[in-house]
Amino acid sequence: MVTAMLVTSYVTREMVEPVYEASSTLFVGTEKNSVAGISFSDLQVDDQLVVDYQELIKTRLVTEEVIESLNLPFSVENFVARLNVSGIKDSRFVHIVFQDTNPQRAANIANELTDSLVANAEQIVGVENVMVVDKAVVPVSPISPNLMMNVAISAVLGAMLGMFLIMLLHMLDNTFKREDDIERELGITVLGVIPKFEGERRAS
């Protein structure tokens, strides 16, 4: 078990590439040029726009623009697989998260995505109602691999494997340990037992 924990710890630290996560936040508000009062229907429209913008940011229009702008080594499919966009419940905030093995690049991409979404939203929707609330910062600690979790899992698996091996060896052991075992298994009577003999130590 200890060996498994040490091996897992080494492999996790030395061979598994860490993944970092950077995030930025947008707010979907009302049109900047609007001077009329805000109605309930306006809020409903804004809520729908939150959903629309979550989909817009994953389109080729936005993703290809970011990939080209930052000269990224990703295909659109690979890029989108690293991207997570979600709306915060009961609000008009949009949370953008990007995962990468390079922490600086992860932050650059998250920020470039917000800028691209703001520009394209204005062009497509026709209103300036998306604002950047939080810019992404360079993450310090990776989100994976989780060293402690991996070591804990290896400890449990090591213990289970150890118990299995003990049970297996016990099942495969067909030697007789006592005279009772011989009588029970072979149905014969033991006439005598030869004691274990250990020779006397020679005087030095």
N, C-alpha and C. Protein backbone atom coordinates (compact mmCIF):
# COMPACT_ATOMS: atom_id res chain seq x y z
N MET A 1 0.82 -1.20 0.00
CA MET A 1 0.00 0.00 0.00
C MET A 1 0.86 1.26 0.00
N VAL A 2 1.91 1.25 0.84
CA VAL A 2 2.81 2.40 0.90
C VAL A 2 3.50 2.60 -0.44
N THR A 3 3.91 1.48 -1.05
CA THR A 3 4.56 1.56 -2.35
C THR A 3 3.64 2.17 -3.39
N ALA A 4 2.37 1.75 -3.38
CA ALA A 4 1.39 2.29 -4.33
C ALA A 4 1.21 3.78 -4.14
N MET A 5 1.19 4.22 -2.88
CA MET A 5 1.04 5.65 -2.59
C MET A 5 2.24 6.44 -3.10
N LEU A 6 3.44 5.90 -2.88
CA LEU A 6 4.65 6.59 -3.33
C LEU A 6 4.72 6.66 -4.85
N VAL A 7 4.37 5.56 -5.51
CA VAL A 7 4.38 5.53 -6.97
C VAL A 7 3.37 6.51 -7.53
N THR A 8 2.16 6.53 -6.96
CA THR A 8 1.12 7.45 -7.42
C THR A 8 1.55 8.89 -7.23
N SER A 9 2.15 9.19 -6.09
CA SER A 9 2.62 10.55 -5.82
C SER A 9 3.67 10.98 -6.84
N TYR A 10 4.61 10.08 -7.14
CA TYR A 10 5.67 10.41 -8.11
C TYR A 10 5.10 10.62 -9.50
N VAL A 11 4.25 9.70 -9.93
CA VAL A 11 3.67 9.80 -11.28
C VAL A 11 2.84 11.07 -11.41
N THR A 12 2.06 11.40 -10.37
CA THR A 12 1.22 12.60 -10.41
C THR A 12 2.06 13.86 -10.53
N ARG A 13 3.16 13.92 -9.77
CA ARG A 13 3.99 15.12 -9.77
C ARG A 13 4.85 15.25 -11.02
N GLU A 14 5.40 14.13 -11.48
CA GLU A 14 6.41 14.18 -12.52
C GLU A 14 5.90 13.89 -13.93
N MET A 15 4.84 13.13 -14.07
CA MET A 15 4.44 12.65 -15.39
C MET A 15 3.09 13.18 -15.87
N VAL A 16 2.24 13.64 -14.96
CA VAL A 16 0.93 14.16 -15.35
C VAL A 16 1.01 15.67 -15.46
N GLU A 17 0.69 16.18 -16.65
CA GLU A 17 0.79 17.62 -16.88
C GLU A 17 -0.34 18.35 -16.16
N PRO A 18 -0.02 19.38 -15.36
CA PRO A 18 -1.07 20.09 -14.62
C PRO A 18 -1.96 20.91 -15.54
N VAL A 19 -3.21 21.06 -15.14
CA VAL A 19 -4.19 21.85 -15.89
C VAL A 19 -4.63 23.03 -15.04
N TYR A 20 -4.63 24.21 -15.65
CA TYR A 20 -5.02 25.44 -14.95
C TYR A 20 -6.35 25.95 -15.50
N GLU A 21 -7.04 26.72 -14.66
CA GLU A 21 -8.35 27.24 -15.04
C GLU A 21 -8.41 28.74 -14.79
N ALA A 22 -8.78 29.49 -15.82
CA ALA A 22 -8.93 30.94 -15.70
C ALA A 22 -10.37 31.30 -16.04
N SER A 23 -10.91 32.30 -15.35
CA SER A 23 -12.32 32.65 -15.57
C SER A 23 -12.52 34.16 -15.61
N SER A 24 -13.52 34.56 -16.37
CA SER A 24 -13.93 35.96 -16.44
C SER A 24 -15.46 36.00 -16.35
N THR A 25 -15.98 37.17 -16.02
CA THR A 25 -17.43 37.31 -15.82
C THR A 25 -17.97 38.49 -16.59
N LEU A 26 -19.11 38.28 -17.24
CA LEU A 26 -19.80 39.33 -17.99
C LEU A 26 -21.16 39.60 -17.36
N PHE A 27 -21.66 40.80 -17.59
CA PHE A 27 -23.01 41.15 -17.14
C PHE A 27 -23.82 41.58 -18.35
N VAL A 28 -24.99 40.99 -18.50
CA VAL A 28 -25.89 41.33 -19.59
C VAL A 28 -26.94 42.29 -19.04
N GLY A 29 -26.83 43.57 -19.47
CA GLY A 29 -27.76 44.58 -18.97
C GLY A 29 -28.69 45.08 -20.05
N THR A 30 -29.32 46.20 -19.77
CA THR A 30 -30.20 46.82 -20.76
C THR A 30 -29.37 47.67 -21.71
N GLU A 31 -29.98 48.06 -22.81
CA GLU A 31 -29.28 48.85 -23.81
C GLU A 31 -28.78 50.15 -23.21
N LYS A 32 -27.54 50.49 -23.49
CA LYS A 32 -26.94 51.69 -22.91
C LYS A 32 -27.67 52.96 -23.32
N ASN A 33 -28.18 52.98 -24.54
CA ASN A 33 -28.82 54.19 -25.03
C ASN A 33 -30.29 54.31 -24.64
N SER A 34 -30.80 53.30 -23.92
CA SER A 34 -32.21 53.32 -23.55
C SER A 34 -32.45 54.31 -22.43
N VAL A 35 -33.49 55.14 -22.57
CA VAL A 35 -33.81 56.14 -21.56
C VAL A 35 -35.16 55.84 -20.92
N ALA A 36 -35.89 54.88 -21.46
CA ALA A 36 -37.20 54.54 -20.92
C ALA A 36 -37.04 53.67 -19.69
N GLY A 37 -38.11 53.55 -18.89
CA GLY A 37 -38.09 52.70 -17.71
C GLY A 37 -37.98 51.24 -18.10
N ILE A 38 -37.47 50.44 -17.19
CA ILE A 38 -37.29 49.01 -17.44
C ILE A 38 -38.54 48.26 -17.02
N SER A 39 -39.13 47.51 -17.94
CA SER A 39 -40.33 46.74 -17.65
C SER A 39 -39.98 45.29 -17.39
N PHE A 40 -40.99 44.53 -16.94
CA PHE A 40 -40.79 43.10 -16.70
C PHE A 40 -40.42 42.38 -17.99
N SER A 41 -41.03 42.79 -19.08
CA SER A 41 -40.72 42.16 -20.37
C SER A 41 -39.28 42.44 -20.79
N ASP A 42 -38.78 43.62 -20.42
CA ASP A 42 -37.37 43.93 -20.72
C ASP A 42 -36.45 42.95 -20.00
N LEU A 43 -36.77 42.67 -18.74
CA LEU A 43 -35.95 41.75 -17.96
C LEU A 43 -36.00 40.34 -18.55
N GLN A 44 -37.18 39.95 -19.04
CA GLN A 44 -37.30 38.65 -19.67
C GLN A 44 -36.44 38.55 -20.92
N VAL A 45 -36.42 39.64 -21.69
CA VAL A 45 -35.59 39.69 -22.89
C VAL A 45 -34.12 39.56 -22.52
N ASP A 46 -33.72 40.28 -21.46
CA ASP A 46 -32.33 40.20 -21.01
C ASP A 46 -31.96 38.79 -20.55
N ASP A 47 -32.90 38.13 -19.87
CA ASP A 47 -32.65 36.76 -19.43
C ASP A 47 -32.43 35.84 -20.63
N GLN A 48 -33.20 36.05 -21.69
CA GLN A 48 -33.04 35.24 -22.89
C GLN A 48 -31.71 35.53 -23.56
N LEU A 49 -31.30 36.80 -23.50
CA LEU A 49 -30.02 37.17 -24.09
C LEU A 49 -28.86 36.48 -23.37
N VAL A 50 -29.01 36.27 -22.06
CA VAL A 50 -27.97 35.56 -21.32
C VAL A 50 -27.76 34.17 -21.92
N VAL A 51 -28.87 33.50 -22.22
CA VAL A 51 -28.80 32.18 -22.84
C VAL A 51 -28.20 32.27 -24.24
N ASP A 52 -28.63 33.28 -24.99
CA ASP A 52 -28.12 33.46 -26.35
C ASP A 52 -26.61 33.69 -26.35
N TYR A 53 -26.14 34.52 -25.43
CA TYR A 53 -24.72 34.83 -25.38
C TYR A 53 -23.88 33.62 -24.96
N GLN A 54 -24.46 32.75 -24.13
CA GLN A 54 -23.75 31.53 -23.75
C GLN A 54 -23.49 30.65 -24.97
N GLU A 55 -24.42 30.66 -25.91
CA GLU A 55 -24.26 29.89 -27.13
C GLU A 55 -23.38 30.63 -28.15
N LEU A 56 -23.52 31.94 -28.18
CA LEU A 56 -22.76 32.75 -29.14
C LEU A 56 -21.26 32.61 -28.92
N ILE A 57 -20.85 32.56 -27.66
CA ILE A 57 -19.42 32.52 -27.36
C ILE A 57 -18.78 31.20 -27.81
N LYS A 58 -19.59 30.17 -28.04
CA LYS A 58 -19.06 28.87 -28.47
C LYS A 58 -19.15 28.67 -29.98
N THR A 59 -19.64 29.68 -30.69
CA THR A 59 -19.75 29.56 -32.14
C THR A 59 -18.40 29.76 -32.81
N ARG A 60 -18.31 29.33 -34.06
CA ARG A 60 -17.07 29.51 -34.83
C ARG A 60 -16.74 30.99 -35.02
N LEU A 61 -17.76 31.81 -35.08
CA LEU A 61 -17.54 33.25 -35.26
C LEU A 61 -16.63 33.79 -34.17
N VAL A 62 -16.88 33.38 -32.94
CA VAL A 62 -16.09 33.87 -31.80
C VAL A 62 -14.84 33.03 -31.59
N THR A 63 -14.97 31.71 -31.60
CA THR A 63 -13.82 30.86 -31.29
C THR A 63 -12.70 30.97 -32.32
N GLU A 64 -13.05 31.00 -33.59
CA GLU A 64 -12.02 31.13 -34.63
C GLU A 64 -11.33 32.48 -34.54
N GLU A 65 -12.08 33.49 -34.16
CA GLU A 65 -11.50 34.83 -34.02
C GLU A 65 -10.47 34.84 -32.90
N VAL A 66 -10.78 34.19 -31.78
CA VAL A 66 -9.85 34.13 -30.65
C VAL A 66 -8.63 33.27 -30.99
N ILE A 67 -8.86 32.14 -31.63
CA ILE A 67 -7.75 31.25 -32.01
C ILE A 67 -6.78 31.96 -32.94
N GLU A 68 -7.33 32.70 -33.89
CA GLU A 68 -6.48 33.42 -34.85
C GLU A 68 -5.79 34.60 -34.18
N SER A 69 -6.51 35.31 -33.32
CA SER A 69 -5.94 36.49 -32.67
C SER A 69 -4.76 36.14 -31.78
N LEU A 70 -4.86 35.02 -31.05
CA LEU A 70 -3.79 34.62 -30.13
C LEU A 70 -2.86 33.58 -30.73
N ASN A 71 -3.10 33.22 -32.00
CA ASN A 71 -2.27 32.22 -32.69
C ASN A 71 -2.18 30.93 -31.87
N LEU A 72 -3.34 30.39 -31.54
CA LEU A 72 -3.40 29.22 -30.67
C LEU A 72 -3.26 27.91 -31.45
N PRO A 73 -2.67 26.89 -30.83
CA PRO A 73 -2.47 25.59 -31.51
C PRO A 73 -3.67 24.66 -31.32
N PHE A 74 -4.88 25.21 -31.36
CA PHE A 74 -6.08 24.42 -31.12
C PHE A 74 -6.98 24.42 -32.34
N SER A 75 -7.66 23.30 -32.54
CA SER A 75 -8.77 23.29 -33.49
C SER A 75 -9.98 23.88 -32.78
N VAL A 76 -11.01 24.21 -33.53
CA VAL A 76 -12.22 24.76 -32.91
C VAL A 76 -12.82 23.74 -31.94
N GLU A 77 -12.84 22.47 -32.34
CA GLU A 77 -13.42 21.43 -31.49
C GLU A 77 -12.64 21.28 -30.19
N ASN A 78 -11.31 21.28 -30.28
CA ASN A 78 -10.48 21.16 -29.09
C ASN A 78 -10.62 22.39 -28.20
N PHE A 79 -10.75 23.54 -28.83
CA PHE A 79 -10.91 24.80 -28.10
C PHE A 79 -12.21 24.78 -27.30
N VAL A 80 -13.30 24.41 -27.95
CA VAL A 80 -14.61 24.39 -27.29
C VAL A 80 -14.64 23.36 -26.17
N ALA A 81 -13.90 22.25 -26.33
CA ALA A 81 -13.86 21.22 -25.29
C ALA A 81 -13.23 21.74 -24.01
N ARG A 82 -12.36 22.74 -24.13
CA ARG A 82 -11.69 23.33 -22.96
C ARG A 82 -12.50 24.48 -22.37
N LEU A 83 -13.56 24.86 -23.04
CA LEU A 83 -14.34 26.04 -22.67
C LEU A 83 -15.62 25.65 -21.94
N ASN A 84 -15.92 26.38 -20.88
CA ASN A 84 -17.18 26.19 -20.16
C ASN A 84 -17.83 27.55 -19.94
N VAL A 85 -19.05 27.70 -20.43
CA VAL A 85 -19.79 28.95 -20.29
C VAL A 85 -21.09 28.66 -19.56
N SER A 86 -21.36 29.42 -18.52
CA SER A 86 -22.57 29.17 -17.74
C SER A 86 -23.16 30.48 -17.24
N GLY A 87 -24.48 30.48 -17.10
CA GLY A 87 -25.16 31.62 -16.51
C GLY A 87 -25.35 31.38 -15.03
N ILE A 88 -25.10 32.41 -14.23
CA ILE A 88 -25.28 32.29 -12.79
C ILE A 88 -26.77 32.35 -12.48
N LYS A 89 -27.27 31.41 -11.72
CA LYS A 89 -28.71 31.25 -11.48
C LYS A 89 -29.35 32.54 -10.96
N ASP A 90 -30.52 32.85 -11.54
CA ASP A 90 -31.33 34.01 -11.14
C ASP A 90 -30.55 35.32 -11.24
N SER A 91 -29.71 35.41 -12.24
CA SER A 91 -28.96 36.65 -12.47
C SER A 91 -28.70 36.79 -13.96
N ARG A 92 -28.09 37.92 -14.33
CA ARG A 92 -27.74 38.15 -15.73
C ARG A 92 -26.23 38.13 -15.92
N PHE A 93 -25.56 37.41 -15.04
CA PHE A 93 -24.12 37.26 -15.15
C PHE A 93 -23.79 36.01 -15.97
N VAL A 94 -22.76 36.12 -16.78
CA VAL A 94 -22.27 34.99 -17.58
C VAL A 94 -20.84 34.70 -17.14
N HIS A 95 -20.60 33.46 -16.78
CA HIS A 95 -19.29 33.04 -16.27
C HIS A 95 -18.57 32.26 -17.36
N ILE A 96 -17.38 32.72 -17.74
CA ILE A 96 -16.59 32.08 -18.79
C ILE A 96 -15.35 31.45 -18.17
N VAL A 97 -15.17 30.16 -18.41
CA VAL A 97 -14.03 29.43 -17.84
C VAL A 97 -13.28 28.72 -18.96
N PHE A 98 -11.95 28.85 -18.93
CA PHE A 98 -11.13 28.15 -19.92
C PHE A 98 -10.03 27.39 -19.20
N GLN A 99 -9.79 26.15 -19.63
CA GLN A 99 -8.77 25.30 -19.03
C GLN A 99 -7.62 25.08 -20.02
N ASP A 100 -6.40 25.17 -19.48
CA ASP A 100 -5.22 24.98 -20.32
C ASP A 100 -4.05 24.54 -19.45
N THR A 101 -3.06 23.94 -20.07
CA THR A 101 -1.86 23.53 -19.35
C THR A 101 -0.93 24.71 -19.10
N ASN A 102 -1.16 25.82 -19.79
CA ASN A 102 -0.37 27.03 -19.62
C ASN A 102 -1.23 28.06 -18.89
N PRO A 103 -0.90 28.43 -17.64
CA PRO A 103 -1.75 29.35 -16.88
C PRO A 103 -1.89 30.73 -17.50
N GLN A 104 -0.80 31.26 -18.06
CA GLN A 104 -0.86 32.58 -18.69
C GLN A 104 -1.76 32.55 -19.91
N ARG A 105 -1.64 31.51 -20.70
CA ARG A 105 -2.46 31.39 -21.90
C ARG A 105 -3.93 31.22 -21.55
N ALA A 106 -4.21 30.49 -20.47
CA ALA A 106 -5.59 30.31 -20.03
C ALA A 106 -6.24 31.65 -19.72
N ALA A 107 -5.51 32.52 -19.02
CA ALA A 107 -6.03 33.84 -18.68
C ALA A 107 -6.19 34.70 -19.93
N ASN A 108 -5.21 34.65 -20.83
CA ASN A 108 -5.30 35.43 -22.07
C ASN A 108 -6.51 35.03 -22.89
N ILE A 109 -6.77 33.74 -22.96
CA ILE A 109 -7.90 33.25 -23.76
C ILE A 109 -9.22 33.67 -23.14
N ALA A 110 -9.34 33.54 -21.81
CA ALA A 110 -10.58 33.93 -21.14
C ALA A 110 -10.88 35.41 -21.37
N ASN A 111 -9.85 36.24 -21.31
CA ASN A 111 -10.05 37.68 -21.53
C ASN A 111 -10.35 37.99 -23.00
N GLU A 112 -9.68 37.29 -23.90
CA GLU A 112 -9.93 37.51 -25.32
C GLU A 112 -11.35 37.07 -25.69
N LEU A 113 -11.84 36.03 -25.06
CA LEU A 113 -13.21 35.57 -25.29
C LEU A 113 -14.23 36.62 -24.88
N THR A 114 -14.01 37.24 -23.74
CA THR A 114 -14.95 38.28 -23.29
C THR A 114 -14.94 39.46 -24.25
N ASP A 115 -13.75 39.87 -24.68
CA ASP A 115 -13.65 41.00 -25.61
C ASP A 115 -14.33 40.67 -26.93
N SER A 116 -14.11 39.46 -27.41
CA SER A 116 -14.71 39.06 -28.68
C SER A 116 -16.23 38.97 -28.57
N LEU A 117 -16.72 38.47 -27.44
CA LEU A 117 -18.17 38.37 -27.25
C LEU A 117 -18.81 39.74 -27.20
N VAL A 118 -18.19 40.67 -26.50
CA VAL A 118 -18.73 42.03 -26.41
C VAL A 118 -18.82 42.65 -27.80
N ALA A 119 -17.76 42.50 -28.60
CA ALA A 119 -17.75 43.09 -29.94
C ALA A 119 -18.77 42.43 -30.85
N ASN A 120 -18.86 41.12 -30.83
CA ASN A 120 -19.78 40.41 -31.71
C ASN A 120 -21.23 40.55 -31.26
N ALA A 121 -21.45 40.64 -29.96
CA ALA A 121 -22.81 40.83 -29.46
C ALA A 121 -23.38 42.16 -29.93
N GLU A 122 -22.55 43.19 -29.89
CA GLU A 122 -22.99 44.51 -30.36
C GLU A 122 -23.31 44.47 -31.85
N GLN A 123 -22.50 43.73 -32.60
CA GLN A 123 -22.70 43.65 -34.05
C GLN A 123 -23.93 42.82 -34.40
N ILE A 124 -24.15 41.71 -33.70
CA ILE A 124 -25.25 40.81 -34.03
C ILE A 124 -26.57 41.28 -33.44
N VAL A 125 -26.57 41.61 -32.15
CA VAL A 125 -27.80 42.00 -31.46
C VAL A 125 -28.16 43.45 -31.76
N GLY A 126 -27.14 44.27 -31.98
CA GLY A 126 -27.40 45.66 -32.32
C GLY A 126 -27.47 46.59 -31.13
N VAL A 127 -27.17 46.10 -29.94
CA VAL A 127 -27.17 46.96 -28.75
C VAL A 127 -25.91 46.70 -27.94
N GLU A 128 -25.52 47.70 -27.17
CA GLU A 128 -24.36 47.55 -26.30
C GLU A 128 -24.85 47.22 -24.90
N ASN A 129 -25.08 45.97 -24.65
CA ASN A 129 -25.64 45.59 -23.34
C ASN A 129 -24.82 44.52 -22.63
N VAL A 130 -23.58 44.32 -23.06
CA VAL A 130 -22.70 43.34 -22.40
C VAL A 130 -21.50 44.07 -21.82
N MET A 131 -21.27 43.88 -20.53
CA MET A 131 -20.17 44.55 -19.85
C MET A 131 -19.28 43.53 -19.16
N VAL A 132 -17.98 43.77 -19.22
CA VAL A 132 -17.02 42.90 -18.53
C VAL A 132 -16.97 43.31 -17.07
N VAL A 133 -17.31 42.38 -16.19
CA VAL A 133 -17.30 42.66 -14.75
C VAL A 133 -15.97 42.25 -14.13
N ASP A 134 -15.52 41.04 -14.44
CA ASP A 134 -14.25 40.54 -13.91
C ASP A 134 -13.37 40.04 -15.04
N LYS A 135 -12.16 40.57 -15.10
CA LYS A 135 -11.17 40.07 -16.04
C LYS A 135 -10.50 38.83 -15.45
N ALA A 136 -10.08 37.94 -16.30
CA ALA A 136 -9.38 36.74 -15.83
C ALA A 136 -7.97 37.11 -15.36
N VAL A 137 -7.54 36.47 -14.31
CA VAL A 137 -6.17 36.63 -13.81
C VAL A 137 -5.44 35.30 -13.98
N VAL A 138 -4.13 35.36 -13.99
CA VAL A 138 -3.33 34.15 -14.18
C VAL A 138 -3.47 33.24 -12.96
N PRO A 139 -3.97 32.02 -13.13
CA PRO A 139 -4.12 31.11 -11.99
C PRO A 139 -2.77 30.68 -11.43
N VAL A 140 -2.72 30.50 -10.13
CA VAL A 140 -1.47 30.11 -9.47
C VAL A 140 -1.38 28.60 -9.29
N SER A 141 -2.49 28.00 -8.89
CA SER A 141 -2.50 26.56 -8.61
C SER A 141 -3.31 25.81 -9.66
N PRO A 142 -2.86 24.64 -10.06
CA PRO A 142 -3.62 23.84 -11.04
C PRO A 142 -4.86 23.23 -10.40
N ILE A 143 -5.87 22.94 -11.24
CA ILE A 143 -7.08 22.28 -10.75
C ILE A 143 -6.93 20.76 -10.81
N SER A 144 -5.97 20.31 -11.59
CA SER A 144 -5.69 18.88 -11.68
C SER A 144 -4.24 18.70 -12.14
N PRO A 145 -3.59 17.58 -11.81
CA PRO A 145 -4.15 16.48 -11.03
C PRO A 145 -4.22 16.82 -9.55
N ASN A 146 -5.15 16.19 -8.83
CA ASN A 146 -5.31 16.36 -7.40
C ASN A 146 -4.44 15.33 -6.70
N LEU A 147 -3.28 15.77 -6.21
CA LEU A 147 -2.31 14.85 -5.63
C LEU A 147 -2.88 14.10 -4.43
N MET A 148 -3.51 14.82 -3.51
CA MET A 148 -4.03 14.19 -2.30
C MET A 148 -5.12 13.17 -2.63
N MET A 149 -5.99 13.53 -3.58
CA MET A 149 -7.07 12.62 -3.96
C MET A 149 -6.50 11.36 -4.60
N ASN A 150 -5.52 11.53 -5.49
CA ASN A 150 -4.92 10.37 -6.15
C ASN A 150 -4.21 9.45 -5.15
N VAL A 151 -3.51 10.05 -4.18
CA VAL A 151 -2.82 9.25 -3.17
C VAL A 151 -3.84 8.50 -2.31
N ALA A 152 -4.93 9.18 -1.94
CA ALA A 152 -5.97 8.54 -1.13
C ALA A 152 -6.60 7.36 -1.87
N ILE A 153 -6.87 7.57 -3.16
CA ILE A 153 -7.46 6.49 -3.96
C ILE A 153 -6.49 5.31 -4.07
N SER A 154 -5.20 5.63 -4.29
CA SER A 154 -4.21 4.55 -4.40
C SER A 154 -4.08 3.79 -3.09
N ALA A 155 -4.24 4.50 -1.95
CA ALA A 155 -4.16 3.84 -0.65
C ALA A 155 -5.31 2.86 -0.48
N VAL A 156 -6.51 3.28 -0.86
CA VAL A 156 -7.68 2.39 -0.76
C VAL A 156 -7.52 1.19 -1.68
N LEU A 157 -7.11 1.46 -2.93
CA LEU A 157 -6.93 0.36 -3.88
C LEU A 157 -5.82 -0.59 -3.43
N GLY A 158 -4.75 -0.01 -2.86
CA GLY A 158 -3.65 -0.84 -2.37
C GLY A 158 -4.10 -1.74 -1.23
N ALA A 159 -4.92 -1.18 -0.32
CA ALA A 159 -5.44 -1.98 0.80
C ALA A 159 -6.34 -3.11 0.30
N MET A 160 -7.20 -2.78 -0.68
CA MET A 160 -8.09 -3.80 -1.24
C MET A 160 -7.30 -4.90 -1.95
N LEU A 161 -6.25 -4.49 -2.69
CA LEU A 161 -5.42 -5.47 -3.38
C LEU A 161 -4.68 -6.36 -2.39
N GLY A 162 -4.19 -5.75 -1.30
CA GLY A 162 -3.50 -6.52 -0.27
C GLY A 162 -4.41 -7.56 0.37
N MET A 163 -5.65 -7.15 0.68
CA MET A 163 -6.61 -8.09 1.27
C MET A 163 -6.93 -9.23 0.29
N PHE A 164 -7.06 -8.87 -0.99
CA PHE A 164 -7.35 -9.89 -2.00
C PHE A 164 -6.22 -10.89 -2.10
N LEU A 165 -4.97 -10.41 -2.08
CA LEU A 165 -3.82 -11.32 -2.18
C LEU A 165 -3.74 -12.24 -0.97
N ILE A 166 -4.03 -11.68 0.21
CA ILE A 166 -4.01 -12.51 1.42
C ILE A 166 -5.04 -13.63 1.34
N MET A 167 -6.25 -13.26 0.89
CA MET A 167 -7.32 -14.25 0.75
C MET A 167 -6.96 -15.29 -0.31
N LEU A 168 -6.34 -14.82 -1.41
CA LEU A 168 -5.97 -15.75 -2.48
C LEU A 168 -4.91 -16.73 -2.02
N LEU A 169 -3.90 -16.24 -1.31
CA LEU A 169 -2.84 -17.12 -0.81
C LEU A 169 -3.40 -18.12 0.19
N HIS A 170 -4.35 -17.66 1.00
CA HIS A 170 -4.96 -18.57 1.97
C HIS A 170 -5.75 -19.67 1.27
N MET A 171 -6.45 -19.30 0.19
CA MET A 171 -7.24 -20.28 -0.55
C MET A 171 -6.35 -21.28 -1.28
N LEU A 172 -5.19 -20.82 -1.75
CA LEU A 172 -4.29 -21.69 -2.51
C LEU A 172 -3.38 -22.54 -1.62
N ASP A 173 -3.33 -22.21 -0.34
CA ASP A 173 -2.46 -22.94 0.58
C ASP A 173 -3.11 -24.28 0.96
N ASN A 174 -2.58 -25.38 0.44
CA ASN A 174 -3.15 -26.70 0.71
C ASN A 174 -2.26 -27.54 1.63
N THR A 175 -1.37 -26.90 2.35
CA THR A 175 -0.52 -27.63 3.29
C THR A 175 -1.27 -27.89 4.59
N PHE A 176 -0.84 -28.95 5.29
CA PHE A 176 -1.45 -29.28 6.57
C PHE A 176 -0.71 -28.55 7.69
N LYS A 177 -1.47 -27.88 8.51
CA LYS A 177 -0.86 -27.12 9.61
C LYS A 177 -0.87 -27.91 10.92
N ARG A 178 -1.90 -28.77 11.12
CA ARG A 178 -2.02 -29.54 12.36
C ARG A 178 -2.41 -30.98 12.01
N GLU A 179 -2.22 -31.89 12.99
CA GLU A 179 -2.61 -33.28 12.76
C GLU A 179 -4.11 -33.42 12.56
N ASP A 180 -4.87 -32.54 13.16
CA ASP A 180 -6.33 -32.56 12.98
C ASP A 180 -6.69 -32.37 11.51
N ASP A 181 -5.91 -31.54 10.81
CA ASP A 181 -6.18 -31.29 9.39
C ASP A 181 -6.01 -32.57 8.58
N ILE A 182 -5.00 -33.37 8.92
CA ILE A 182 -4.76 -34.62 8.19
C ILE A 182 -5.91 -35.60 8.41
N GLU A 183 -6.33 -35.73 9.66
CA GLU A 183 -7.41 -36.66 9.97
C GLU A 183 -8.71 -36.24 9.29
N ARG A 184 -8.95 -34.93 9.29
CA ARG A 184 -10.20 -34.44 8.70
C ARG A 184 -10.20 -34.57 7.19
N GLU A 185 -9.10 -34.22 6.53
CA GLU A 185 -9.05 -34.20 5.08
C GLU A 185 -8.82 -35.59 4.47
N LEU A 186 -7.95 -36.40 5.11
CA LEU A 186 -7.59 -37.69 4.53
C LEU A 186 -8.32 -38.87 5.18
N GLY A 187 -8.91 -38.64 6.33
CA GLY A 187 -9.65 -39.71 7.00
C GLY A 187 -8.77 -40.79 7.59
N ILE A 188 -7.55 -40.45 7.95
CA ILE A 188 -6.63 -41.42 8.56
C ILE A 188 -6.20 -40.92 9.93
N THR A 189 -5.75 -41.86 10.74
CA THR A 189 -5.33 -41.51 12.09
C THR A 189 -3.83 -41.24 12.11
N VAL A 190 -3.48 -40.16 12.74
CA VAL A 190 -2.07 -39.78 12.85
C VAL A 190 -1.46 -40.59 13.99
N LEU A 191 -0.42 -41.37 13.70
CA LEU A 191 0.22 -42.21 14.71
C LEU A 191 1.23 -41.43 15.54
N GLY A 192 1.83 -40.45 14.95
CA GLY A 192 2.82 -39.66 15.68
C GLY A 192 3.23 -38.44 14.89
N VAL A 193 3.86 -37.52 15.58
CA VAL A 193 4.30 -36.27 14.96
C VAL A 193 5.80 -36.15 15.16
N ILE A 194 6.50 -35.93 14.09
CA ILE A 194 7.95 -35.71 14.17
C ILE A 194 8.19 -34.26 14.52
N PRO A 195 8.80 -34.01 15.66
CA PRO A 195 9.03 -32.61 16.05
C PRO A 195 10.05 -31.94 15.16
N LYS A 196 9.92 -30.64 15.08
CA LYS A 196 10.89 -29.86 14.31
C LYS A 196 12.21 -29.86 15.05
N PHE A 197 13.28 -30.25 14.34
CA PHE A 197 14.58 -30.39 14.98
C PHE A 197 15.49 -29.25 14.55
N GLU A 198 16.06 -28.63 15.53
CA GLU A 198 17.03 -27.57 15.27
C GLU A 198 18.35 -28.00 15.89
N GLY A 199 19.38 -28.10 15.07
CA GLY A 199 20.67 -28.53 15.57
C GLY A 199 21.27 -27.56 16.57
N GLU A 200 22.08 -28.10 17.47
CA GLU A 200 22.72 -27.23 18.45
C GLU A 200 23.74 -26.34 17.76
N ARG A 201 23.82 -25.16 18.28
CA ARG A 201 24.82 -24.24 17.74
C ARG A 201 26.21 -24.69 18.15
N ARG A 202 27.09 -24.63 17.20
CA ARG A 202 28.48 -24.97 17.51
C ARG A 202 29.12 -23.87 18.32
N ALA A 203 29.95 -24.32 19.26
CA ALA A 203 30.65 -23.33 20.08
C ALA A 203 31.67 -22.62 19.21
N SER A 204 31.74 -21.34 19.36
CA SER A 204 32.68 -20.56 18.55
C SER A 204 34.08 -20.66 19.14
